[in-house]
C-alpha atoms as a PDB file:
ATOM      1  CA  MET A   1     -28.309  -7.889  52.894  1.00  0.00           C
ATOM      2  CA  ASP A   2     -24.729  -9.021  52.524  1.00  0.00           C
ATOM      3  CA  PHE A   3     -23.529  -9.714  48.968  1.00  0.00           C
ATOM      4  CA  SER A   4     -19.854  -9.955  49.902  1.00  0.00           C
ATOM      5  CA  ARG A   5     -19.660 -13.698  49.129  1.00  0.00           C
ATOM      6  CA  VAL A   6     -21.320 -13.434  45.712  1.00  0.00           C
ATOM      7  CA  THR A   7     -18.948 -13.917  42.791  1.00  0.00           C
ATOM      8  CA  GLU A   8     -19.625 -13.081  39.179  1.00  0.00           C
ATOM      9  CA  LYS A   9     -18.151 -14.714  36.111  1.00  0.00           C
ATOM     10  CA  THR A  10     -18.451 -13.507  32.540  1.00  0.00           C
ATOM     11  CA  LYS A  11     -18.713 -16.314  30.026  1.00  0.00           C
ATOM     12  CA  GLU A  12     -18.235 -16.213  26.304  1.00  0.00           C
ATOM     13  CA  PRO A  13     -19.978 -15.638  24.016  1.00  0.00           C
ATOM     14  CA  TYR A  14     -20.637 -12.048  24.920  1.00  0.00           C
ATOM     15  CA  PHE A  15     -23.945 -10.435  24.163  1.00  0.00           C
ATOM     16  CA  THR A  16     -25.285  -7.049  23.189  1.00  0.00           C
ATOM     17  CA  VAL A  17     -28.832  -6.156  24.162  1.00  0.00           C
ATOM     18  CA  LYS A  18     -30.859  -3.725  22.081  1.00  0.00           C
ATOM     19  CA  HIS A  19     -34.322  -2.406  22.808  1.00  0.00           C
ATOM     20  CA  LYS A  20     -36.828  -2.699  20.015  1.00  0.00           C
ATOM     21  CA  LEU A  21     -39.732  -0.285  20.366  1.00  0.00           C
ATOM     22  CA  LEU A  22     -42.618  -1.497  18.237  1.00  0.00           C
ATOM     23  CA  CYS A  23     -45.903   0.261  17.554  1.00  0.00           C
ATOM     24  CA  VAL A  24     -48.407  -2.274  16.226  1.00  0.00           C
ATOM     25  CA  PRO A  25     -52.025  -1.827  15.145  1.00  0.00           C
ATOM     26  CA  ARG A  26     -54.053  -3.672  17.778  1.00  0.00           C
ATOM     27  CA  ALA A  27     -56.051  -5.663  15.200  1.00  0.00           C
ATOM     28  CA  ASP A  28     -52.832  -6.927  13.557  1.00  0.00           C
ATOM     29  CA  TYR A  29     -51.357  -7.885  16.924  1.00  0.00           C
ATOM     30  CA  GLU A  30     -54.446  -9.866  17.912  1.00  0.00           C
ATOM     31  CA  THR A  31     -54.674 -11.544  14.489  1.00  0.00           C
ATOM     32  CA  ILE A  32     -51.066 -12.752  14.660  1.00  0.00           C
ATOM     33  CA  LEU A  33     -51.653 -14.168  18.148  1.00  0.00           C
ATOM     34  CA  LYS A  34     -55.184 -15.488  17.568  1.00  0.00           C
ATOM     35  CA  SER A  35     -54.195 -18.927  18.908  1.00  0.00           C
ATOM     36  CA  TYR A  36     -53.507 -17.443  22.369  1.00  0.00           C
ATOM     37  CA  LEU A  37     -56.323 -17.282  24.902  1.00  0.00           C
ATOM     38  CA  ASP A  38     -54.765 -14.059  26.211  1.00  0.00           C
ATOM     39  CA  PRO A  39     -52.346 -12.530  23.690  1.00  0.00           C
ATOM     40  CA  TYR A  40     -51.396  -9.847  26.208  1.00  0.00           C
ATOM     41  CA  THR A  41     -49.452 -12.168  28.521  1.00  0.00           C
ATOM     42  CA  GLU A  42     -45.651 -11.960  28.600  1.00  0.00           C
ATOM     43  CA  GLU A  43     -45.469 -15.212  26.637  1.00  0.00           C
ATOM     44  CA  GLY A  44     -47.768 -13.795  23.958  1.00  0.00           C
ATOM     45  CA  VAL A  45     -45.747 -10.608  23.611  1.00  0.00           C
ATOM     46  CA  GLN A  46     -42.504 -12.600  23.371  1.00  0.00           C
ATOM     47  CA  GLU A  47     -44.062 -14.792  20.674  1.00  0.00           C
ATOM     48  CA  PHE A  48     -45.148 -11.735  18.693  1.00  0.00           C
ATOM     49  CA  VAL A  49     -41.653 -10.228  18.843  1.00  0.00           C
ATOM     50  CA  SER A  50     -40.092 -13.592  17.881  1.00  0.00           C
ATOM     51  CA  LYS A  51     -42.359 -13.789  14.831  1.00  0.00           C
ATOM     52  CA  TYR A  52     -41.541 -10.171  13.944  1.00  0.00           C
ATOM     53  CA  LEU A  53     -37.788 -10.830  14.154  1.00  0.00           C
ATOM     54  CA  ALA A  54     -38.111 -14.010  12.053  1.00  0.00           C
ATOM     55  CA  ALA A  55     -40.060 -12.135   9.371  1.00  0.00           C
ATOM     56  CA  LYS A  56     -37.238  -9.577   9.159  1.00  0.00           C
ATOM     57  CA  ASN A  57     -34.484 -12.255   9.216  1.00  0.00           C
ATOM     58  CA  ASP A  58     -33.236 -10.653  12.440  1.00  0.00           C
ATOM     59  CA  PRO A  59     -31.064 -13.127  14.424  1.00  0.00           C
ATOM     60  CA  GLY A  60     -31.907 -11.586  17.823  1.00  0.00           C
ATOM     61  CA  ILE A  61     -33.216 -13.580  20.785  1.00  0.00           C
ATOM     62  CA  VAL A  62     -36.152 -12.058  22.659  1.00  0.00           C
ATOM     63  CA  GLY A  63     -35.721 -11.405  26.362  1.00  0.00           C
ATOM     64  CA  LEU A  64     -37.813  -9.235  28.647  1.00  0.00           C
ATOM     65  CA  VAL A  65     -40.761  -7.454  27.126  1.00  0.00           C
ATOM     66  CA  GLY A  66     -43.140  -4.716  28.151  1.00  0.00           C
ATOM     67  CA  LEU A  67     -46.478  -3.880  26.608  1.00  0.00           C
ATOM     68  CA  GLU A  68     -48.862  -0.953  26.738  1.00  0.00           C
ATOM     69  CA  ARG A  69     -52.285  -0.885  25.107  1.00  0.00           C
ATOM     70  CA  LYS A  70     -53.311   2.491  23.716  1.00  0.00           C
ATOM     71  CA  GLU A  71     -56.684   2.581  22.003  1.00  0.00           C
ATOM     72  CA  GLU A  72     -56.004   1.059  18.572  1.00  0.00           C
ATOM     73  CA  GLN A  73     -52.250   0.553  19.095  1.00  0.00           C
ATOM     74  CA  VAL A  74     -50.096  -1.871  21.035  1.00  0.00           C
ATOM     75  CA  LEU A  75     -46.726  -0.493  22.142  1.00  0.00           C
ATOM     76  CA  ILE A  76     -44.023  -3.075  22.781  1.00  0.00           C
ATOM     77  CA  ASP A  77     -40.625  -2.554  24.379  1.00  0.00           C
ATOM     78  CA  ALA A  78     -38.553  -5.687  23.833  1.00  0.00           C
ATOM     79  CA  ALA A  79     -35.008  -6.426  24.942  1.00  0.00           C
ATOM     80  CA  VAL A  80     -33.368  -8.382  22.118  1.00  0.00           C
ATOM     81  CA  ARG A  81     -30.036 -10.130  22.612  1.00  0.00           C
ATOM     82  CA  TYR A  82     -27.353 -10.466  19.939  1.00  0.00           C
ATOM     83  CA  ASN A  83     -24.075 -12.411  19.976  1.00  0.00           C
ATOM     84  CA  THR A  84     -20.973 -10.240  19.745  1.00  0.00           C
ATOM     85  CA  GLU A  85     -17.298 -11.060  19.315  1.00  0.00           C
ATOM     86  CA  GLU A  86     -16.033  -9.277  22.425  1.00  0.00           C
ATOM     87  CA  GLY A  87     -17.406  -8.262  25.770  1.00  0.00           C
ATOM     88  CA  THR A  88     -17.668  -4.686  26.861  1.00  0.00           C
END
């Protein structure tokens, strides 16, 4: 592959991405997403994290998410984007 003609531009505003690692009781997770046919889809996980952030008055925007089911727990790794004043 030849990427020599690809250009990249950085636009303001700049963002910082933080990973939120959440450990959620499975019953609570499923209750919060009871309106979803399959709460374990990427859309469902993003919705859960969005609701979690809203409940904590966290201004982050949910991006990519990962999920692992472990017995009675749901482990979520969510990339959350925040506006920053300057780029890095």
